[in-house]
Amino acid sequence: MQFGIYMKTDPEGEVKYLQVKDINGENEIDYSHTARVKDTGTSHKYYLRKDDLLFAAKGASNYCFLYDGSKGNIIPSSSFIIMHITSKKILPEFLCCYLNTPSILSKLKNSSVGTGIQMIPQSVIGDLQLEIPSMEVQQLIVQIDRLRKKSEKLHNKINTLKRNLQDQLLMDSLKRNIL
């Protein structure tokens, strides 16, 4: 476990530099405006690997997400704690679900430090005690979490469509009454 690194961005850089602003509302990376940095040679230990967990530890919004390894060389900023999972006894997705549960996030937030920008110390996450369930239970929890997220996306899409339909009906009604 380690914090990411602060680096000066450079449009000519060859490495993507992940910042908190690059994470969307569903805790997914939006690569469309990711800044770039130059590879200084000292930053290789910060490169993300497939199945690394990133925890946004600075600021008011704290969450964990899984890096899927699909976008090549990426270095996270110092706003993130990088977790390299080395044990075969725990699924990275399961640990991510665990860290994103409201009770754990609340516990972590209560341990944050700082007067201006709040930060959750790395040691607080490292001190969490977790009873690791069987691999089957972990897989089931991960699958339930995926289905929950998919359901939330569908509900949001349905609500947006309902709102658009209502707006269109209202506008059509007003047009008929005005003419």
Foldseek 3Di string as FASTA:
>chain_A
DAFFAAADFDQPADAFEDEPVQADPLRDGNPPDTTHGHCPVVRVVQWDAAQKKKWQFKADDTAIDGDHRPPPTYGYYRRIGIHDDDDPFARSLLVRVVCHDPVNVVVQQVCWDDDPMTGRDPVVVVPDDDDRDGPVVSVVVSVVVVVVSVVVVVVVVVVVVVVVVVVVVVVVVVVVVVD
